[in-house]
Amino acid sequence: MNHNTDRLAQGGGVAPAQPVHWRVIVAAVAGNAFEVYDFVIYAYFAVYIGQTFFPITGEYGSLLVATATFGVGFFTRPLGALLIGSYADRVGRKPAMILTVSLITLGTMGIALTPSYASIGMIAPVIVVCCRLLQGIALGGEIGPATSLLIESAPADKRGRYACWQIASQGIAVTTGGLIGVIITLTMSPENLQSYGWRIPFIFSLLMVPLTIYIRRNVPETLHAEDKKEDKTVDMLKGMWRDHRRFLLIGLCIMIVVNVTSQLINYMTSYAIKTLHLDPSIAQTSILIAGLVSFFGALAAGRLSDKYGRKKVLILPVIVLCIVVVPLFSWLHEAPDATRLLTVTFVISAMIVFPTTAVLVIVPEILPAGYRSTGTSLIYALGSALFGGTTHFILTALLAWTNHPVAPAYYVLFAAAVSLCAMSLLPETRDLGVTVNKTQQKRVASLPLAKRE
């Protein structure tokens, strides 16, 4: 058995011999879906949120502060990744997942229910900023425990198709958030939207919280006692760096193209309105296209990674992205219209959803169970903070500096080149996972799903 197989074998995370119950998938993806839903809703109603909590003078004053407040959540994610990710490796996946959804709920509730600046003064924006910081911490620690639960629960030959629901759920959330935003905007007057209408989508998400917590409390624990870490959080961070820093650095480099391209898709609305001068309704439609592509693309990526291997699904779409991204943006700029905008959004979304899905399979498979949640959380959260949180600013700066509408495509090309180099250094984990877990399945084959703790 080679070095990488030894690492995986020591990692634990037993694959069950019977199909995974739907509750495991729902429990694992619910928190991530909340994050993306809130992202879409906050972005959609940023103008109204800014006017409610940040009454700064100037045409763009309140909107700039509102979007900046949204952005601070990115930069608290690494703290949540370290604290909650390590908690999941020391105590278990279930308690960590219950903690994250509770923190997300508090943050969302604060944004939805806090009175306006006109009602309570300066305390209003302070509460909203604190809520965004809290959500950032929660979401930084969400991805590791949830993905670990899926990987450790899935049959050995179906890890990809279970882990892919993390990304597919984001597609559902984007589509749902976009549709609710459109419906509320079309059915309410501007006055009612500003007064209370923008709060309705946030309150809607809160209605799902009790069911999510109930489901998470009743899923099996997949971290076995012998795999639990007893180290303190700081010691776990030192251990991660000492024993697994190569994979941490590789994972971070892969996240460059994932985050830059994903945020480019989110940026397409602003790009279409400000640079291409398209109608806002056309620009908003691109969000729905991206959401649908993420959903169906992630499901396809999970199955293909189980059939053909993780690395092919990880690398080949990024190579295609390198080839087409500049020509696509040039084509869009030549004659901007709805068809070209939606085509470009569709192609770029399709190319990035495959590596985004594959990386959430291969990273947890490489890391041992005692560091799986911490490592996955750190890679995802640091990648989001360093590359996702800065992309909108960099894209805007590039457009202003170069005055070249195709400049965003060159930034994606640079990110893809760096990530491809990192991807080439990863081992293929599909067969390693199958080999290891087939020797371990007897350990739980006789247990009903609810007792595998």
Protein backbone atom coordinates (compact mmCIF):
# COMPACT_ATOMS: atom_id res chain seq x y z
CA MET A 1 0.00 0.00 0.00
CA ASN A 2 1.50 3.36 -0.99
CA HIS A 3 1.82 6.49 1.15
CA ASN A 4 -1.47 8.05 0.07
CA THR A 5 -3.37 4.81 0.65
CA ASP A 6 -1.89 4.64 4.15
CA ARG A 7 -3.09 8.17 4.82
CA LEU A 8 -6.61 7.32 3.72
CA ALA A 9 -6.67 4.06 5.64
CA GLN A 10 -5.62 5.81 8.82
CA GLY A 11 -8.27 8.43 8.23
CA GLY A 12 -11.27 6.30 9.11
CA GLY A 13 -14.61 7.42 7.84
CA VAL A 14 -16.28 4.08 7.26
CA ALA A 15 -18.50 3.69 4.22
CA PRO A 16 -21.82 2.01 5.03
CA ALA A 17 -22.88 -1.10 3.20
CA GLN A 18 -26.45 0.10 2.70
CA PRO A 19 -27.82 3.24 1.00
CA VAL A 20 -27.60 6.54 2.84
CA HIS A 21 -30.90 7.85 4.17
CA TRP A 22 -32.17 11.06 2.59
CA ARG A 23 -32.02 12.76 5.99
CA VAL A 24 -28.22 12.59 5.94
CA ILE A 25 -28.07 14.51 2.67
CA VAL A 26 -30.66 17.09 3.78
CA ALA A 27 -28.93 17.57 7.12
CA ALA A 28 -25.53 18.02 5.50
CA VAL A 29 -26.53 20.52 2.82
CA ALA A 30 -29.11 22.65 4.64
CA GLY A 31 -26.63 25.07 6.23
CA ASN A 32 -24.76 25.61 3.00
CA ALA A 33 -28.04 26.26 1.19
CA PHE A 34 -28.98 28.87 3.83
CA GLU A 35 -25.71 30.69 3.18
CA VAL A 36 -26.20 30.93 -0.57
CA TYR A 37 -29.88 31.83 -0.25
CA ASP A 38 -29.02 34.68 2.10
CA PHE A 39 -26.22 35.74 -0.27
CA VAL A 40 -28.64 36.07 -3.19
CA ILE A 41 -31.35 37.79 -1.14
CA TYR A 42 -28.92 40.23 0.47
CA ALA A 43 -27.42 41.12 -2.92
CA TYR A 44 -30.86 41.45 -4.52
CA PHE A 45 -32.16 43.83 -1.84
CA ALA A 46 -28.87 45.58 -1.01
CA VAL A 47 -30.29 48.95 -2.03
CA TYR A 48 -33.18 48.66 0.46
CA ILE A 49 -30.96 47.23 3.21
CA GLY A 50 -28.53 50.11 2.73
CA GLN A 51 -31.27 52.72 2.95
CA THR A 52 -32.75 51.04 6.05
CA PHE A 53 -29.58 50.69 8.13
CA PHE A 54 -26.96 52.95 6.54
CA PRO A 55 -28.51 56.34 5.67
CA ILE A 56 -25.31 57.82 4.23
CA THR A 57 -25.60 60.72 1.85
CA GLY A 58 -24.58 60.44 -1.76
CA GLU A 59 -25.91 58.45 -4.68
CA TYR A 60 -24.04 55.25 -3.79
CA GLY A 61 -23.18 55.88 -0.12
CA SER A 62 -25.64 53.56 1.62
CA LEU A 63 -25.31 50.88 -1.07
CA LEU A 64 -21.52 50.83 -0.77
CA VAL A 65 -21.70 50.43 3.01
CA ALA A 66 -24.36 47.72 2.70
CA THR A 67 -22.26 45.71 0.25
CA ALA A 68 -19.15 46.24 2.38
CA THR A 69 -21.08 44.95 5.40
CA PHE A 70 -22.00 41.87 3.40
CA GLY A 71 -18.35 41.38 2.50
CA VAL A 72 -17.10 41.31 6.10
CA GLY A 73 -18.70 37.90 6.45
CA PHE A 74 -16.08 36.48 4.08
CA PHE A 75 -13.23 37.51 6.31
CA THR A 76 -14.52 35.87 9.51
CA ARG A 77 -14.92 32.53 7.76
CA PRO A 78 -11.35 31.33 8.51
CA LEU A 79 -11.97 31.88 12.22
CA GLY A 80 -15.14 29.80 12.01
CA ALA A 81 -13.31 27.16 9.98
CA LEU A 82 -10.68 26.79 12.68
CA LEU A 83 -12.99 26.90 15.70
CA ILE A 84 -15.97 24.91 14.43
CA GLY A 85 -13.98 22.66 12.07
CA SER A 86 -11.73 21.54 14.92
CA TYR A 87 -14.77 21.17 17.18
CA ALA A 88 -16.21 18.69 14.66
CA ASP A 89 -12.96 16.68 14.71
CA ARG A 90 -12.82 16.66 18.51
CA VAL A 91 -16.50 16.18 19.44
CA GLY A 92 -18.33 15.04 16.31
CA ARG A 93 -19.96 16.12 13.08
CA LYS A 94 -23.50 16.33 14.48
CA PRO A 95 -22.88 18.83 17.33
CA ALA A 96 -20.81 21.03 15.02
CA MET A 97 -23.55 21.07 12.38
CA ILE A 98 -26.21 21.93 14.96
CA LEU A 99 -23.99 24.75 16.21
CA THR A 100 -23.48 26.23 12.75
CA VAL A 101 -27.15 26.27 11.80
CA SER A 102 -27.97 27.87 15.18
CA LEU A 103 -25.43 30.64 14.57
CA ILE A 104 -26.62 31.17 11.00
CA THR A 105 -30.17 31.47 12.32
CA LEU A 106 -29.21 34.12 14.85
CA GLY A 107 -27.47 36.14 12.15
CA THR A 108 -30.36 35.92 9.71
CA MET A 109 -32.89 36.70 12.43
CA GLY A 110 -30.90 39.79 13.41
CA ILE A 111 -30.90 41.15 9.86
CA ALA A 112 -34.59 40.35 9.35
CA LEU A 113 -35.91 41.78 12.64
CA THR A 114 -33.61 44.68 13.57
CA PRO A 115 -35.46 48.02 13.47
CA SER A 116 -34.24 50.67 11.06
CA TYR A 117 -31.68 53.39 11.72
CA ALA A 118 -34.55 55.87 11.87
CA SER A 119 -36.10 53.91 14.75
CA ILE A 120 -33.16 53.03 17.01
CA GLY A 121 -30.26 55.03 15.66
CA MET A 122 -26.66 53.84 15.49
CA ILE A 123 -27.38 50.53 17.22
CA ALA A 124 -29.13 49.31 14.03
CA PRO A 125 -26.05 49.20 11.76
CA VAL A 126 -23.97 47.81 14.64
CA ILE A 127 -26.38 44.89 15.02
CA VAL A 128 -26.37 44.20 11.27
CA VAL A 129 -22.56 44.19 11.10
CA CYS A 130 -22.39 41.82 14.11
CA CYS A 131 -24.93 39.54 12.43
CA ARG A 132 -22.81 39.38 9.28
CA LEU A 133 -19.71 38.56 11.36
CA LEU A 134 -21.64 35.82 13.15
CA GLN A 135 -22.88 34.37 9.86
CA GLY A 136 -19.33 34.40 8.51
CA ILE A 137 -18.05 32.43 11.49
CA ALA A 138 -20.89 29.93 11.18
CA LEU A 139 -20.49 29.42 7.45
CA GLY A 140 -16.72 29.12 7.75
CA GLY A 141 -17.27 26.12 9.99
CA GLU A 142 -20.22 24.66 8.06
CA ILE A 143 -18.61 23.14 4.99
CA GLY A 144 -16.10 20.88 6.80
CA PRO A 145 -18.41 18.96 9.16
CA ALA A 146 -21.18 18.71 6.54
CA THR A 147 -18.93 17.43 3.76
CA SER A 148 -17.19 15.04 6.15
CA LEU A 149 -20.57 13.62 7.16
CA LEU A 150 -21.48 13.01 3.52
CA ILE A 151 -18.12 11.46 2.62
CA GLU A 152 -18.12 9.23 5.70
CA SER A 153 -21.74 8.17 5.28
CA ALA A 154 -21.69 7.37 1.58
CA PRO A 155 -21.08 3.93 0.05
CA ALA A 156 -17.47 3.62 -1.06
CA ASP A 157 -18.26 3.81 -4.76
CA LYS A 158 -20.76 6.69 -4.45
CA ARG A 159 -18.92 9.33 -2.48
CA GLY A 160 -18.99 11.74 -5.39
CA ARG A 161 -22.73 11.57 -5.93
CA TYR A 162 -23.40 12.23 -2.23
CA ALA A 163 -20.82 14.99 -1.71
CA CYS A 164 -22.05 16.73 -4.86
CA TRP A 165 -25.23 17.71 -3.04
CA GLN A 166 -23.24 20.41 -1.24
CA ILE A 167 -22.89 22.26 -4.55
CA ALA A 168 -26.28 21.17 -5.95
CA SER A 169 -27.96 22.67 -2.90
CA GLN A 170 -26.29 25.99 -3.72
CA GLY A 171 -27.92 25.86 -7.14
CA ILE A 172 -31.32 25.28 -5.54
CA ALA A 173 -30.72 28.18 -3.15
CA VAL A 174 -29.65 30.57 -5.92
CA THR A 175 -32.68 29.68 -8.03
CA THR A 176 -35.08 29.94 -5.09
CA GLY A 177 -33.61 33.21 -3.88
CA GLY A 178 -33.71 34.70 -7.35
CA LEU A 179 -37.32 33.68 -7.92
CA ILE A 180 -38.50 34.98 -4.54
CA GLY A 181 -36.66 38.23 -5.15
CA VAL A 182 -38.29 38.68 -8.54
CA ILE A 183 -41.77 37.82 -7.23
CA ILE A 184 -41.58 40.23 -4.30
CA THR A 185 -40.15 43.00 -6.46
CA LEU A 186 -42.94 42.61 -9.05
CA THR A 187 -45.80 42.37 -6.56
CA MET A 188 -44.93 45.14 -4.09
CA SER A 189 -44.68 48.87 -4.45
CA PRO A 190 -41.27 50.54 -3.95
CA GLU A 191 -42.56 52.11 -0.73
CA ASN A 192 -43.63 48.77 0.76
CA LEU A 193 -40.42 47.13 -0.40
CA GLN A 194 -38.40 49.75 1.45
CA SER A 195 -40.65 49.62 4.52
CA TYR A 196 -40.85 45.87 5.14
CA GLY A 197 -40.92 43.87 1.90
CA TRP A 198 -37.17 43.18 1.73
CA ARG A 199 -37.41 41.43 5.13
CA ILE A 200 -39.89 38.79 3.91
CA PRO A 201 -37.35 36.52 2.13
CA PHE A 202 -35.16 36.43 5.27
CA ILE A 203 -38.14 35.52 7.45
CA PHE A 204 -39.08 32.83 4.94
CA SER A 205 -35.70 31.13 5.43
CA LEU A 206 -36.19 31.17 9.21
CA LEU A 207 -39.31 29.02 8.85
CA MET A 208 -37.12 26.11 7.71
CA VAL A 209 -34.78 26.25 10.70
CA PRO A 210 -36.72 24.03 13.16
CA LEU A 211 -36.97 21.25 10.58
CA THR A 212 -33.26 21.54 9.77
CA ILE A 213 -32.22 21.29 13.42
CA TYR A 214 -34.58 18.35 13.96
CA ILE A 215 -33.09 16.48 11.00
CA ARG A 216 -29.52 17.23 12.08
CA ARG A 217 -30.21 15.92 15.58
CA ASN A 218 -31.40 12.61 14.16
CA VAL A 219 -28.64 11.70 11.71
CA PRO A 220 -25.95 9.17 12.63
CA GLU A 221 -22.60 10.35 13.93
CA THR A 222 -19.84 9.32 11.52
CA LEU A 223 -16.76 10.29 13.55
CA HIS A 224 -15.79 7.22 15.57
CA ALA A 225 -14.32 7.46 19.05
CA GLU A 226 -10.88 6.23 17.98
CA ASP A 227 -10.67 8.97 15.33
CA LYS A 228 -11.55 11.87 17.62
CA LYS A 229 -8.85 14.39 18.43
CA GLU A 230 -8.20 15.49 21.98
CA ASP A 231 -5.93 18.38 21.02
CA LYS A 232 -6.84 21.99 21.60
CA THR A 233 -7.79 24.09 18.60
CA VAL A 234 -4.36 25.73 18.38
CA ASP A 235 -2.66 22.34 18.64
CA MET A 236 -4.85 20.99 15.84
CA LEU A 237 -3.85 23.91 13.65
CA LYS A 238 -0.20 23.16 14.37
CA GLY A 239 -0.80 19.50 13.60
CA MET A 240 -2.50 20.36 10.32
CA TRP A 241 0.43 22.52 9.29
CA ARG A 242 3.03 20.00 10.45
CA ASP A 243 1.53 16.90 8.86
CA HIS A 244 -0.71 18.11 6.03
CA ARG A 245 0.49 21.55 4.93
CA ARG A 246 1.24 20.28 1.42
CA PHE A 247 -2.41 19.40 0.86
CA LEU A 248 -3.56 22.62 2.54
CA LEU A 249 -1.49 24.71 0.15
CA ILE A 250 -2.54 22.65 -2.88
CA GLY A 251 -6.18 22.94 -1.85
CA LEU A 252 -5.89 26.71 -1.43
CA CYS A 253 -4.35 27.06 -4.89
CA ILE A 254 -7.21 25.03 -6.39
CA MET A 255 -9.71 27.29 -4.67
CA ILE A 256 -8.31 30.28 -6.59
CA VAL A 257 -10.10 29.38 -9.83
CA VAL A 258 -13.16 28.09 -7.98
CA ASN A 259 -13.69 31.34 -6.08
CA VAL A 260 -12.62 33.78 -8.78
CA THR A 261 -14.86 32.19 -11.40
CA SER A 262 -17.80 31.74 -9.04
CA GLN A 263 -17.62 35.38 -8.00
CA LEU A 264 -17.28 36.41 -11.64
CA ILE A 265 -20.65 34.76 -12.27
CA ASN A 266 -22.12 36.70 -9.35
CA TYR A 267 -20.50 39.83 -10.76
CA MET A 268 -22.12 39.32 -14.17
CA THR A 269 -25.24 41.24 -13.10
CA SER A 270 -23.25 44.40 -12.30
CA TYR A 271 -21.03 43.84 -15.35
CA ALA A 272 -24.06 43.55 -17.64
CA ILE A 273 -25.67 46.72 -16.29
CA LYS A 274 -22.66 49.02 -15.86
CA THR A 275 -20.27 47.84 -18.58
CA LEU A 276 -22.54 46.34 -21.24
CA HIS A 277 -25.48 48.68 -20.50
CA LEU A 278 -28.07 45.88 -20.64
CA ASP A 279 -31.50 46.04 -19.03
CA PRO A 280 -31.43 45.08 -15.29
CA SER A 281 -34.14 42.45 -15.80
CA ILE A 282 -31.92 40.68 -18.34
CA ALA A 283 -28.96 40.92 -16.01
CA GLN A 284 -30.92 39.42 -13.10
CA THR A 285 -31.95 36.46 -15.28
CA SER A 286 -28.31 35.40 -15.43
CA ILE A 287 -28.51 34.56 -11.71
CA LEU A 288 -31.29 32.06 -12.35
CA ILE A 289 -29.31 30.48 -15.21
CA ALA A 290 -26.26 30.10 -12.96
CA GLY A 291 -28.39 28.51 -10.23
CA LEU A 292 -29.92 25.91 -12.55
CA VAL A 293 -26.54 25.05 -14.06
CA SER A 294 -25.04 24.63 -10.58
CA PHE A 295 -27.79 22.22 -9.57
CA PHE A 296 -27.74 19.93 -12.59
CA GLY A 297 -24.01 20.31 -13.19
CA ALA A 298 -23.11 19.30 -9.63
CA LEU A 299 -25.23 16.15 -9.82
CA ALA A 300 -23.54 15.23 -13.10
CA ALA A 301 -20.09 16.02 -11.70
CA GLY A 302 -20.63 13.76 -8.69
CA ARG A 303 -21.61 10.79 -10.83
CA LEU A 304 -18.80 11.37 -13.33
CA SER A 305 -16.21 11.58 -10.55
CA ASP A 306 -17.37 8.21 -9.24
CA LYS A 307 -17.22 6.69 -12.72
CA TYR A 308 -14.10 8.26 -14.25
CA GLY A 309 -12.17 9.60 -11.26
CA ARG A 310 -11.88 12.86 -9.35
CA LYS A 311 -8.93 14.35 -11.24
CA LYS A 312 -10.53 14.18 -14.68
CA VAL A 313 -13.61 16.02 -13.41
CA LEU A 314 -11.33 18.46 -11.61
CA ILE A 315 -8.90 19.28 -14.43
CA LEU A 316 -10.59 18.89 -17.84
CA PRO A 317 -13.30 21.57 -17.36
CA VAL A 318 -10.67 24.08 -16.18
CA ILE A 319 -8.64 23.44 -19.33
CA VAL A 320 -11.78 24.11 -21.40
CA LEU A 321 -12.40 27.27 -19.34
CA CYS A 322 -8.88 28.50 -20.20
CA ILE A 323 -9.59 27.99 -23.90
CA VAL A 324 -13.02 29.63 -24.07
CA VAL A 325 -13.17 32.39 -21.43
CA VAL A 326 -11.41 35.17 -23.42
CA PRO A 327 -13.21 34.43 -26.72
CA LEU A 328 -16.54 34.31 -24.87
CA PHE A 329 -16.08 37.73 -23.27
CA SER A 330 -14.86 39.19 -26.57
CA TRP A 331 -17.93 37.77 -28.32
CA LEU A 332 -20.20 39.20 -25.61
CA HIS A 333 -18.61 42.63 -25.85
CA GLU A 334 -18.89 42.80 -29.64
CA ALA A 335 -22.70 42.80 -29.58
CA PRO A 336 -24.11 42.70 -26.04
CA ASP A 337 -27.60 41.23 -25.81
CA ALA A 338 -29.61 38.84 -23.67
CA THR A 339 -28.75 35.75 -25.70
CA ARG A 340 -25.02 36.33 -25.53
CA LEU A 341 -25.06 37.23 -21.83
CA LEU A 342 -27.00 34.11 -20.89
CA THR A 343 -24.84 31.94 -23.14
CA VAL A 344 -21.63 33.20 -21.54
CA THR A 345 -23.12 32.74 -18.06
CA PHE A 346 -24.24 29.21 -18.93
CA VAL A 347 -20.86 28.10 -20.31
CA ILE A 348 -18.75 29.59 -17.51
CA SER A 349 -21.12 28.24 -14.83
CA ALA A 350 -20.99 24.78 -16.40
CA MET A 351 -17.19 24.75 -16.53
CA ILE A 352 -16.66 25.80 -12.92
CA VAL A 353 -19.31 23.62 -11.26
CA PHE A 354 -17.37 20.45 -12.11
CA PRO A 355 -14.09 21.34 -10.35
CA THR A 356 -16.03 22.96 -7.50
CA THR A 357 -17.78 19.65 -6.89
CA ALA A 358 -14.70 17.49 -7.37
CA VAL A 359 -12.58 19.45 -4.90
CA LEU A 360 -15.17 18.83 -2.16
CA VAL A 361 -14.77 15.10 -2.77
CA ILE A 362 -11.02 14.77 -3.17
CA VAL A 363 -9.90 16.97 -0.25
CA PRO A 364 -11.92 15.13 2.44
CA GLU A 365 -10.81 11.80 0.96
CA ILE A 366 -7.14 12.74 1.28
CA LEU A 367 -7.31 14.04 4.85
CA PRO A 368 -7.58 11.60 7.79
CA ALA A 369 -10.79 11.65 9.82
CA GLY A 370 -9.18 13.43 12.79
CA TYR A 371 -8.30 16.41 10.59
CA ARG A 372 -10.93 16.04 7.86
CA SER A 373 -13.38 18.67 9.04
CA THR A 374 -10.71 21.17 10.11
CA GLY A 375 -8.75 20.84 6.87
CA THR A 376 -11.76 20.99 4.56
CA SER A 377 -13.18 23.98 6.42
CA LEU A 378 -9.87 25.87 6.36
CA ILE A 379 -9.28 25.30 2.64
CA TYR A 380 -12.80 26.37 1.73
CA ALA A 381 -12.98 29.34 4.13
CA LEU A 382 -9.49 30.70 3.44
CA GLY A 383 -10.11 30.33 -0.28
CA SER A 384 -13.38 32.27 0.04
CA ALA A 385 -11.77 35.01 2.13
CA LEU A 386 -8.60 35.47 0.09
CA PHE A 387 -9.99 34.99 -3.40
CA GLY A 388 -13.80 35.18 -3.21
CA GLY A 389 -13.95 38.24 -0.97
CA THR A 390 -11.54 40.22 -3.17
CA THR A 391 -12.73 39.25 -6.65
CA HIS A 392 -15.42 41.91 -7.08
CA PHE A 393 -12.98 44.64 -6.08
CA ILE A 394 -10.23 43.31 -8.38
CA LEU A 395 -12.60 42.97 -11.34
CA THR A 396 -13.87 46.50 -10.87
CA ALA A 397 -10.32 47.82 -10.53
CA LEU A 398 -9.21 45.98 -13.67
CA LEU A 399 -12.08 47.43 -15.68
CA ALA A 400 -11.32 50.92 -14.41
CA TRP A 401 -7.55 50.61 -14.92
CA THR A 402 -7.54 48.99 -18.36
CA ASN A 403 -10.84 50.35 -19.68
CA HIS A 404 -11.03 46.97 -21.43
CA PRO A 405 -14.34 45.08 -21.09
CA VAL A 406 -12.58 41.71 -21.53
CA ALA A 407 -10.27 42.29 -18.53
CA PRO A 408 -12.28 39.99 -16.18
CA ALA A 409 -11.62 37.07 -18.53
CA TYR A 410 -7.86 37.52 -18.22
CA TYR A 411 -8.10 37.42 -14.43
CA VAL A 412 -10.00 34.12 -14.69
CA LEU A 413 -7.31 32.84 -17.08
CA PHE A 414 -4.59 33.69 -14.57
CA ALA A 415 -6.51 32.01 -11.72
CA ALA A 416 -7.10 28.89 -13.83
CA ALA A 417 -3.41 28.58 -14.71
CA VAL A 418 -2.36 28.67 -11.05
CA SER A 419 -5.03 26.17 -10.03
CA LEU A 420 -4.19 23.74 -12.85
CA CYS A 421 -0.62 23.53 -11.58
CA ALA A 422 -1.94 22.64 -8.12
CA MET A 423 -4.45 20.12 -9.46
CA SER A 424 -1.70 18.19 -11.22
CA LEU A 425 -0.05 17.51 -7.84
CA LEU A 426 -3.06 15.74 -6.31
CA PRO A 427 -3.38 11.94 -6.23
CA GLU A 428 -6.43 10.17 -7.65
CA THR A 429 -8.50 9.13 -4.62
CA ARG A 430 -11.46 7.32 -6.16
CA ASP A 431 -9.88 3.84 -6.24
CA LEU A 432 -8.01 4.38 -2.99
CA GLY A 433 -11.27 5.15 -1.22
CA VAL A 434 -12.99 2.07 -2.67
CA THR A 435 -10.10 -0.22 -1.73
CA VAL A 436 -9.85 0.99 1.83
CA ASN A 437 -13.54 1.09 2.57
CA LYS A 438 -14.28 -2.38 1.22
CA THR A 439 -11.97 -3.76 3.92
CA GLN A 440 -13.79 -1.71 6.55
CA GLN A 441 -17.44 -2.20 5.63
CA LYS A 442 -17.87 -5.30 7.81
CA ARG A 443 -17.44 -3.04 10.79
CA VAL A 444 -20.86 -1.42 10.26
CA ALA A 445 -22.64 -3.69 7.78
CA SER A 446 -24.79 -5.29 10.48
CA LEU A 447 -25.82 -2.00 12.12
CA PRO A 448 -28.99 -0.12 11.18
CA LEU A 449 -28.30 3.39 9.92
CA ALA A 450 -29.62 5.17 13.01
CA LYS A 451 -27.15 3.30 15.29
CA ARG A 452 -23.95 3.96 13.37
CA GLU A 453 -22.51 6.37 15.91
